[in-house]
C-alpha atoms as a PDB file:
ATOM      1  CA  UNK A   1       3.469 -14.796 -14.715  1.00  0.00           C
ATOM      2  CA  UNK A   2       5.365 -12.300 -16.885  1.00  0.00           C
ATOM      3  CA  UNK A   3       8.236 -10.850 -14.814  1.00  0.00           C
ATOM      4  CA  UNK A   4       9.857  -9.410 -17.946  1.00  0.00           C
ATOM      5  CA  UNK A   5       7.562  -7.677 -20.419  1.00  0.00           C
ATOM      6  CA  UNK A   6      10.172  -6.662 -22.979  1.00  0.00           C
ATOM      7  CA  UNK A   7      13.790  -7.717 -23.387  1.00  0.00           C
ATOM      8  CA  UNK A   8      16.285  -6.389 -25.909  1.00  0.00           C
ATOM      9  CA  UNK A   9      19.808  -7.678 -25.384  1.00  0.00           C
ATOM     10  CA  UNK A  10      20.878  -6.839 -21.840  1.00  0.00           C
ATOM     11  CA  UNK A  11      18.027  -4.362 -21.384  1.00  0.00           C
ATOM     12  CA  UNK A  12      14.785  -5.577 -19.809  1.00  0.00           C
ATOM     13  CA  UNK A  13      11.507  -3.947 -18.842  1.00  0.00           C
ATOM     14  CA  UNK A  14      10.113  -5.606 -15.707  1.00  0.00           C
ATOM     15  CA  UNK A  15       6.378  -5.908 -15.189  1.00  0.00           C
ATOM     16  CA  UNK A  16       6.684  -5.117 -11.475  1.00  0.00           C
ATOM     17  CA  UNK A  17       8.320  -1.768 -12.172  1.00  0.00           C
ATOM     18  CA  UNK A  18       5.878  -0.988 -14.984  1.00  0.00           C
ATOM     19  CA  UNK A  19       2.852  -1.519 -12.746  1.00  0.00           C
ATOM     20  CA  UNK A  20       4.364   0.622  -9.981  1.00  0.00           C
ATOM     21  CA  UNK A  21       5.011   3.341 -12.577  1.00  0.00           C
ATOM     22  CA  UNK A  22       1.410   3.131 -13.851  1.00  0.00           C
ATOM     23  CA  UNK A  23       0.048   3.322 -10.312  1.00  0.00           C
ATOM     24  CA  UNK A  24       2.272   6.276  -9.456  1.00  0.00           C
ATOM     25  CA  UNK A  25       1.344   8.132 -12.645  1.00  0.00           C
ATOM     26  CA  UNK A  26      -2.383   7.605 -12.053  1.00  0.00           C
ATOM     27  CA  UNK A  27      -2.114   8.743  -8.423  1.00  0.00           C
ATOM     28  CA  UNK A  28      -0.009  11.803  -9.316  1.00  0.00           C
ATOM     29  CA  UNK A  29      -2.424  12.865 -12.075  1.00  0.00           C
ATOM     30  CA  UNK A  30      -5.513  12.554  -9.874  1.00  0.00           C
ATOM     31  CA  UNK A  31      -3.880  14.259  -6.885  1.00  0.00           C
ATOM     32  CA  UNK A  32      -2.718  17.079  -9.158  1.00  0.00           C
ATOM     33  CA  UNK A  33      -6.269  17.583 -10.441  1.00  0.00           C
ATOM     34  CA  UNK A  34      -7.872  17.477  -7.015  1.00  0.00           C
ATOM     35  CA  UNK A  35      -5.375  19.449  -4.905  1.00  0.00           C
ATOM     36  CA  UNK A  36      -7.015  22.834  -5.490  1.00  0.00           C
ATOM     37  CA  UNK A  37     -10.318  21.584  -4.032  1.00  0.00           C
ATOM     38  CA  UNK A  38      -8.467  20.997  -0.768  1.00  0.00           C
ATOM     39  CA  UNK A  39      -6.788  24.392  -0.945  1.00  0.00           C
ATOM     40  CA  UNK A  40      -3.377  22.786  -1.532  1.00  0.00           C
ATOM     41  CA  UNK A  41      -0.660  23.641  -4.032  1.00  0.00           C
ATOM     42  CA  UNK A  42      -0.589  21.109  -6.867  1.00  0.00           C
ATOM     43  CA  UNK A  43       3.155  21.067  -7.411  1.00  0.00           C
ATOM     44  CA  UNK A  44       3.837  20.608  -3.704  1.00  0.00           C
ATOM     45  CA  UNK A  45       1.522  17.626  -3.623  1.00  0.00           C
ATOM     46  CA  UNK A  46       3.210  15.973  -6.615  1.00  0.00           C
ATOM     47  CA  UNK A  47       6.620  16.604  -5.025  1.00  0.00           C
ATOM     48  CA  UNK A  48       5.286  15.018  -1.844  1.00  0.00           C
ATOM     49  CA  UNK A  49       4.084  11.977  -3.775  1.00  0.00           C
ATOM     50  CA  UNK A  50       7.538  11.462  -5.268  1.00  0.00           C
ATOM     51  CA  UNK A  51       9.087  11.652  -1.788  1.00  0.00           C
ATOM     52  CA  UNK A  52       6.526   9.179  -0.449  1.00  0.00           C
ATOM     53  CA  UNK A  53       7.195   6.766  -3.310  1.00  0.00           C
ATOM     54  CA  UNK A  54      10.963   6.761  -2.798  1.00  0.00           C
ATOM     55  CA  UNK A  55      10.821   6.619   0.999  1.00  0.00           C
ATOM     56  CA  UNK A  56       8.107   3.961   0.862  1.00  0.00           C
ATOM     57  CA  UNK A  57      10.136   1.698  -1.427  1.00  0.00           C
ATOM     58  CA  UNK A  58      13.207   2.169   0.786  1.00  0.00           C
ATOM     59  CA  UNK A  59      11.315   1.338   3.986  1.00  0.00           C
ATOM     60  CA  UNK A  60       9.439  -1.590   2.473  1.00  0.00           C
ATOM     61  CA  UNK A  61      12.669  -3.066   1.127  1.00  0.00           C
ATOM     62  CA  UNK A  62      14.548  -2.475   4.385  1.00  0.00           C
ATOM     63  CA  UNK A  63      11.950  -4.351   6.440  1.00  0.00           C
ATOM     64  CA  UNK A  64      11.849  -7.225   3.933  1.00  0.00           C
ATOM     65  CA  UNK A  65      15.633  -7.536   4.099  1.00  0.00           C
ATOM     66  CA  UNK A  66      15.512  -7.454   7.896  1.00  0.00           C
ATOM     67  CA  UNK A  67      12.929 -10.248   7.970  1.00  0.00           C
ATOM     68  CA  UNK A  68      15.059 -12.327   5.580  1.00  0.00           C
ATOM     69  CA  UNK A  69      18.471 -11.315   6.908  1.00  0.00           C
ATOM     70  CA  UNK A  70      20.121 -14.730   6.654  1.00  0.00           C
ATOM     71  CA  UNK A  71      19.358 -14.935   2.923  1.00  0.00           C
ATOM     72  CA  UNK A  72      20.691 -11.454   2.171  1.00  0.00           C
ATOM     73  CA  UNK A  73      23.823 -12.017   4.223  1.00  0.00           C
ATOM     74  CA  UNK A  74      24.586 -14.938   1.936  1.00  0.00           C
ATOM     75  CA  UNK A  75      23.432 -13.080  -1.186  1.00  0.00           C
ATOM     76  CA  UNK A  76      24.215  -9.367  -0.673  1.00  0.00           C
ATOM     77  CA  UNK A  77      23.799  -8.469  -4.358  1.00  0.00           C
ATOM     78  CA  UNK A  78      20.156  -9.528  -4.111  1.00  0.00           C
ATOM     79  CA  UNK A  79      19.498  -6.480  -1.895  1.00  0.00           C
ATOM     80  CA  UNK A  80      19.260  -4.207  -4.930  1.00  0.00           C
ATOM     81  CA  UNK A  81      17.236  -6.652  -7.057  1.00  0.00           C
ATOM     82  CA  UNK A  82      13.878  -4.912  -6.679  1.00  0.00           C
ATOM     83  CA  UNK A  83      12.732  -6.404  -9.977  1.00  0.00           C
ATOM     84  CA  UNK A  84      12.251  -9.704  -8.114  1.00  0.00           C
ATOM     85  CA  UNK A  85       9.886  -8.143  -5.594  1.00  0.00           C
ATOM     86  CA  UNK A  86      10.506  -8.256  -1.875  1.00  0.00           C
ATOM     87  CA  UNK A  87       8.722  -5.354  -0.215  1.00  0.00           C
ATOM     88  CA  UNK A  88       6.842  -5.286   3.086  1.00  0.00           C
ATOM     89  CA  UNK A  89       4.068  -2.688   3.059  1.00  0.00           C
ATOM     90  CA  UNK A  90       4.302  -1.788   6.746  1.00  0.00           C
ATOM     91  CA  UNK A  91       7.993  -0.940   6.375  1.00  0.00           C
ATOM     92  CA  UNK A  92       7.067   1.357   3.518  1.00  0.00           C
ATOM     93  CA  UNK A  93       4.199   2.810   5.530  1.00  0.00           C
ATOM     94  CA  UNK A  94       6.485   3.682   8.456  1.00  0.00           C
ATOM     95  CA  UNK A  95       9.178   5.241   6.265  1.00  0.00           C
ATOM     96  CA  UNK A  96       6.660   7.183   4.164  1.00  0.00           C
ATOM     97  CA  UNK A  97       4.898   8.409   7.312  1.00  0.00           C
ATOM     98  CA  UNK A  98       8.161   9.789   8.697  1.00  0.00           C
ATOM     99  CA  UNK A  99       8.953  11.468   5.368  1.00  0.00           C
ATOM    100  CA  UNK A 100       5.409  12.859   5.221  1.00  0.00           C
ATOM    101  CA  UNK A 101       5.647  14.409   8.690  1.00  0.00           C
ATOM    102  CA  UNK A 102       8.970  16.087   7.912  1.00  0.00           C
ATOM    103  CA  UNK A 103       7.759  17.386   4.530  1.00  0.00           C
ATOM    104  CA  UNK A 104       4.558  18.819   5.995  1.00  0.00           C
ATOM    105  CA  UNK A 105       6.465  20.372   8.898  1.00  0.00           C
ATOM    106  CA  UNK A 106       8.977  21.995   6.524  1.00  0.00           C
ATOM    107  CA  UNK A 107       6.191  23.336   4.310  1.00  0.00           C
ATOM    108  CA  UNK A 108       3.820  24.254   7.186  1.00  0.00           C
ATOM    109  CA  UNK A 109       0.990  22.081   5.867  1.00  0.00           C
ATOM    110  CA  UNK A 110      -1.810  20.311   7.751  1.00  0.00           C
ATOM    111  CA  UNK A 111      -1.131  16.591   8.250  1.00  0.00           C
ATOM    112  CA  UNK A 112      -4.795  15.570   8.291  1.00  0.00           C
ATOM    113  CA  UNK A 113      -5.783  17.796   5.371  1.00  0.00           C
ATOM    114  CA  UNK A 114      -3.045  16.400   3.153  1.00  0.00           C
ATOM    115  CA  UNK A 115      -3.658  12.754   4.089  1.00  0.00           C
ATOM    116  CA  UNK A 116      -7.378  13.163   3.413  1.00  0.00           C
ATOM    117  CA  UNK A 117      -6.450  14.278  -0.097  1.00  0.00           C
ATOM    118  CA  UNK A 118      -3.806  11.734  -1.059  1.00  0.00           C
ATOM    119  CA  UNK A 119      -4.742   8.419   0.558  1.00  0.00           C
ATOM    120  CA  UNK A 120      -7.492   7.329  -1.875  1.00  0.00           C
ATOM    121  CA  UNK A 121      -5.004   7.664  -4.727  1.00  0.00           C
ATOM    122  CA  UNK A 122      -2.255   5.939  -2.755  1.00  0.00           C
ATOM    123  CA  UNK A 123      -4.623   2.958  -2.487  1.00  0.00           C
ATOM    124  CA  UNK A 124      -5.169   3.076  -6.251  1.00  0.00           C
ATOM    125  CA  UNK A 125      -1.401   2.934  -6.797  1.00  0.00           C
ATOM    126  CA  UNK A 126      -1.148   0.012  -4.359  1.00  0.00           C
ATOM    127  CA  UNK A 127      -3.718  -1.883  -6.403  1.00  0.00           C
ATOM    128  CA  UNK A 128      -1.573  -1.607  -9.532  1.00  0.00           C
ATOM    129  CA  UNK A 129       1.429  -2.655  -7.463  1.00  0.00           C
ATOM    130  CA  UNK A 130      -0.324  -5.875  -6.462  1.00  0.00           C
ATOM    131  CA  UNK A 131      -1.007  -6.656 -10.114  1.00  0.00           C
ATOM    132  CA  UNK A 132       2.737  -6.246 -10.555  1.00  0.00           C
ATOM    133  CA  UNK A 133       3.242  -8.796  -7.780  1.00  0.00           C
ATOM    134  CA  UNK A 134       1.069 -11.271  -9.692  1.00  0.00           C
ATOM    135  CA  UNK A 135       2.998 -10.751 -12.921  1.00  0.00           C
ATOM    136  CA  UNK A 136       6.253 -11.097 -11.003  1.00  0.00           C
ATOM    137  CA  UNK A 137       5.166 -14.231  -9.142  1.00  0.00           C
ATOM    138  CA  UNK A 138       5.875 -12.903  -5.648  1.00  0.00           C
ATOM    139  CA  UNK A 139       3.423 -12.682  -2.716  1.00  0.00           C
ATOM    140  CA  UNK A 140       1.914 -15.963  -3.952  1.00  0.00           C
ATOM    141  CA  UNK A 141      -1.147 -17.609  -2.456  1.00  0.00           C
ATOM    142  CA  UNK A 142      -1.816 -20.796  -0.536  1.00  0.00           C
ATOM    143  CA  UNK A 143      -2.030 -24.158  -2.323  1.00  0.00           C
ATOM    144  CA  UNK A 144      -5.505 -25.264  -3.388  1.00  0.00           C
ATOM    145  CA  UNK A 145      -6.951 -28.311  -5.107  1.00  0.00           C
ATOM    146  CA  UNK A 146      -6.592 -28.544  -8.861  1.00  0.00           C
ATOM    147  CA  UNK A 147      -9.798 -27.270 -10.451  1.00  0.00           C
ATOM    148  CA  UNK A 148     -10.489 -24.699  -7.746  1.00  0.00           C
ATOM    149  CA  UNK A 149     -12.061 -21.632  -9.413  1.00  0.00           C
ATOM    150  CA  UNK A 150      -9.509 -18.908 -10.256  1.00  0.00           C
ATOM    151  CA  UNK A 151      -6.580 -21.116  -9.163  1.00  0.00           C
ATOM    152  CA  UNK A 152      -3.296 -20.430 -10.961  1.00  0.00           C
ATOM    153  CA  UNK A 153       0.073 -22.130 -11.384  1.00  0.00           C
ATOM    154  CA  UNK A 154       3.372 -20.311 -11.378  1.00  0.00           C
ATOM    155  CA  UNK A 155       6.457 -21.602 -13.223  1.00  0.00           C
ATOM    156  CA  UNK A 156       8.427 -22.062  -9.993  1.00  0.00           C
ATOM    157  CA  UNK A 157       6.254 -25.001  -8.867  1.00  0.00           C
ATOM    158  CA  UNK A 158       3.498 -27.364 -10.009  1.00  0.00           C
ATOM    159  CA  UNK A 159       1.090 -26.418  -7.237  1.00  0.00           C
ATOM    160  CA  UNK A 160      -2.278 -24.802  -7.908  1.00  0.00           C
ATOM    161  CA  UNK A 161      -2.517 -21.654  -5.824  1.00  0.00           C
ATOM    162  CA  UNK A 162      -4.969 -18.904  -5.023  1.00  0.00           C
ATOM    163  CA  UNK A 163      -4.083 -15.666  -6.848  1.00  0.00           C
ATOM    164  CA  UNK A 164      -3.753 -13.767  -3.567  1.00  0.00           C
ATOM    165  CA  UNK A 165      -2.126 -10.858  -5.387  1.00  0.00           C
ATOM    166  CA  UNK A 166      -5.194 -10.320  -7.585  1.00  0.00           C
ATOM    167  CA  UNK A 167      -7.542 -10.750  -4.617  1.00  0.00           C
ATOM    168  CA  UNK A 168      -5.550  -8.075  -2.809  1.00  0.00           C
ATOM    169  CA  UNK A 169      -5.610  -5.818  -5.884  1.00  0.00           C
ATOM    170  CA  UNK A 170      -9.399  -6.167  -6.193  1.00  0.00           C
ATOM    171  CA  UNK A 171      -9.815  -5.319  -2.501  1.00  0.00           C
ATOM    172  CA  UNK A 172      -7.570  -2.272  -2.898  1.00  0.00           C
ATOM    173  CA  UNK A 173      -9.536  -1.002  -5.884  1.00  0.00           C
ATOM    174  CA  UNK A 174     -12.720  -1.422  -3.850  1.00  0.00           C
ATOM    175  CA  UNK A 175     -11.158   0.539  -0.957  1.00  0.00           C
ATOM    176  CA  UNK A 176     -10.189   3.241  -3.457  1.00  0.00           C
ATOM    177  CA  UNK A 177     -13.814   3.587  -4.581  1.00  0.00           C
ATOM    178  CA  UNK A 178     -15.050   3.675  -0.972  1.00  0.00           C
ATOM    179  CA  UNK A 179     -12.525   6.323   0.060  1.00  0.00           C
ATOM    180  CA  UNK A 180     -13.099   8.416  -3.051  1.00  0.00           C
ATOM    181  CA  UNK A 181     -16.854   8.551  -2.438  1.00  0.00           C
ATOM    182  CA  UNK A 182     -16.254   9.112   1.273  1.00  0.00           C
ATOM    183  CA  UNK A 183     -13.832  11.939   0.464  1.00  0.00           C
ATOM    184  CA  UNK A 184     -16.658  14.111  -0.890  1.00  0.00           C
ATOM    185  CA  UNK A 185     -18.670  13.527   2.288  1.00  0.00           C
ATOM    186  CA  UNK A 186     -15.996  13.900   4.949  1.00  0.00           C
ATOM    187  CA  UNK A 187     -17.051  15.733   8.106  1.00  0.00           C
ATOM    188  CA  UNK A 188     -13.746  16.336   9.851  1.00  0.00           C
ATOM    189  CA  UNK A 189     -10.054  16.420   8.958  1.00  0.00           C
ATOM    190  CA  UNK A 190      -8.410  13.048   9.284  1.00  0.00           C
ATOM    191  CA  UNK A 191     -11.556  11.086   8.512  1.00  0.00           C
ATOM    192  CA  UNK A 192     -10.280   9.726   5.195  1.00  0.00           C
ATOM    193  CA  UNK A 193      -6.699   9.146   6.312  1.00  0.00           C
ATOM    194  CA  UNK A 194      -7.799   7.206   9.384  1.00  0.00           C
ATOM    195  CA  UNK A 195     -10.473   5.421   7.371  1.00  0.00           C
ATOM    196  CA  UNK A 196      -7.734   4.252   5.031  1.00  0.00           C
ATOM    197  CA  UNK A 197      -5.657   2.871   7.908  1.00  0.00           C
ATOM    198  CA  UNK A 198      -8.633   0.921   9.237  1.00  0.00           C
ATOM    199  CA  UNK A 199      -9.765  -0.428   5.871  1.00  0.00           C
ATOM    200  CA  UNK A 200      -6.276  -1.352   4.708  1.00  0.00           C
ATOM    201  CA  UNK A 201      -5.236  -3.046   7.941  1.00  0.00           C
ATOM    202  CA  UNK A 202      -8.487  -5.052   7.959  1.00  0.00           C
ATOM    203  CA  UNK A 203      -7.939  -6.065   4.344  1.00  0.00           C
ATOM    204  CA  UNK A 204      -4.326  -7.017   4.961  1.00  0.00           C
ATOM    205  CA  UNK A 205      -5.199  -9.100   8.014  1.00  0.00           C
ATOM    206  CA  UNK A 206      -7.698 -11.160   5.989  1.00  0.00           C
ATOM    207  CA  UNK A 207      -5.605 -11.523   2.828  1.00  0.00           C
ATOM    208  CA  UNK A 208      -2.596 -12.747   4.819  1.00  0.00           C
ATOM    209  CA  UNK A 209      -4.542 -15.965   5.485  1.00  0.00           C
ATOM    210  CA  UNK A 210      -4.580 -16.520   1.714  1.00  0.00           C
ATOM    211  CA  UNK A 211      -0.827 -15.996   1.262  1.00  0.00           C
ATOM    212  CA  UNK A 212       1.826 -18.694   1.520  1.00  0.00           C
ATOM    213  CA  UNK A 213       5.000 -16.594   1.405  1.00  0.00           C
ATOM    214  CA  UNK A 214       4.951 -15.075   4.904  1.00  0.00           C
ATOM    215  CA  UNK A 215       5.885 -17.196   7.936  1.00  0.00           C
ATOM    216  CA  UNK A 216       3.713 -17.345  11.045  1.00  0.00           C
ATOM    217  CA  UNK A 217       5.625 -15.876  13.975  1.00  0.00           C
ATOM    218  CA  UNK A 218       3.161 -15.564  16.889  1.00  0.00           C
ATOM    219  CA  UNK A 219      -0.264 -17.058  17.652  1.00  0.00           C
ATOM    220  CA  UNK A 220      -0.347 -18.427  14.107  1.00  0.00           C
ATOM    221  CA  UNK A 221      -0.184 -14.905  12.680  1.00  0.00           C
ATOM    222  CA  UNK A 222       2.336 -13.233  10.389  1.00  0.00           C
ATOM    223  CA  UNK A 223       4.224 -10.031  11.186  1.00  0.00           C
ATOM    224  CA  UNK A 224       1.893  -8.144   8.813  1.00  0.00           C
ATOM    225  CA  UNK A 225      -1.170  -9.441  10.652  1.00  0.00           C
ATOM    226  CA  UNK A 226       0.225  -8.419  14.033  1.00  0.00           C
ATOM    227  CA  UNK A 227       1.052  -4.960  12.686  1.00  0.00           C
ATOM    228  CA  UNK A 228      -2.419  -4.767  11.124  1.00  0.00           C
ATOM    229  CA  UNK A 229      -3.990  -5.276  14.546  1.00  0.00           C
ATOM    230  CA  UNK A 230      -1.871  -2.475  16.032  1.00  0.00           C
ATOM    231  CA  UNK A 231      -2.584  -0.073  13.154  1.00  0.00           C
ATOM    232  CA  UNK A 232      -6.314  -0.819  13.228  1.00  0.00           C
ATOM    233  CA  UNK A 233      -6.609  -0.222  16.980  1.00  0.00           C
ATOM    234  CA  UNK A 234      -4.647   3.042  16.873  1.00  0.00           C
ATOM    235  CA  UNK A 235      -6.548   4.319  13.828  1.00  0.00           C
ATOM    236  CA  UNK A 236      -9.904   3.376  15.331  1.00  0.00           C
ATOM    237  CA  UNK A 237      -9.083   5.141  18.610  1.00  0.00           C
ATOM    238  CA  UNK A 238      -8.014   8.320  16.792  1.00  0.00           C
ATOM    239  CA  UNK A 239     -11.042   8.147  14.506  1.00  0.00           C
ATOM    240  CA  UNK A 240     -13.474   7.857  17.420  1.00  0.00           C
ATOM    241  CA  UNK A 241     -11.694  10.685  19.253  1.00  0.00           C
ATOM    242  CA  UNK A 242     -11.868  13.042  16.279  1.00  0.00           C
ATOM    243  CA  UNK A 243     -15.466  12.027  15.513  1.00  0.00           C
ATOM    244  CA  UNK A 244     -16.417  12.774  19.126  1.00  0.00           C
ATOM    245  CA  UNK A 245     -14.752  16.191  18.935  1.00  0.00           C
ATOM    246  CA  UNK A 246     -16.614  16.925  15.697  1.00  0.00           C
ATOM    247  CA  UNK A 247     -19.976  16.051  17.266  1.00  0.00           C
ATOM    248  CA  UNK A 248     -19.267  18.330  20.209  1.00  0.00           C
ATOM    249  CA  UNK A 249     -18.364  21.313  18.059  1.00  0.00           C
ATOM    250  CA  UNK A 250     -20.573  24.374  18.621  1.00  0.00           C
ATOM    251  CA  UNK A 251     -23.303  24.737  16.046  1.00  0.00           C
ATOM    252  CA  UNK A 252     -23.268  27.843  13.850  1.00  0.00           C
ATOM    253  CA  UNK A 253     -26.343  30.023  14.263  1.00  0.00           C
ATOM    254  CA  UNK A 254     -27.841  31.506  11.166  1.00  0.00           C
END
């Protein structure tokens, strides 16, 4: 756990922010390189990524604060302490989705075409973000017996825990590889974007069982697991609908 990488006087460089910056830079570079293959303007796509980053952080923080409202009422200054973590992905997803729709509408761009381009690299950035969570000590895993393979101990307690952050990061990097390979073989617009929603929500549902920081609220499931079920069902329904439309398309005679 290294929440602060460098400290000089009152200035500090936080590992969480560094990993988010690395993930964003990697995603922006790869999207910039690949935009032309999708017939999209490179600069517009990088501008979009910046908007998605800012709106995503805002939404993720807002939902986290809402879910922990009693704490932040008592400690209002903690609201701006992003260096300590405290983001809920589905809040960021909702806010970024709204920003995405407005940006694409204003620039007259195809929603499905753009999402098929950017989502593999968004997953890559998420993977770096989860490494930041590990270095920061947030999103920690469930307690396990001492001597359990890969178990870790954080300074805030003496309990051996699963490194759920690193497990999540590994799963995200795997999803990135799957989506990147799939991207070159896509058959219809929306295939990669919807594939991302299904793969991520499935991953999140499973990993939540390994985390100890989120309370169970209904049927022994966390809010993220309940949202994962909703996202997966909606994405699957849209995917099957678009796949069916693609199969029914008229064949082109040569």
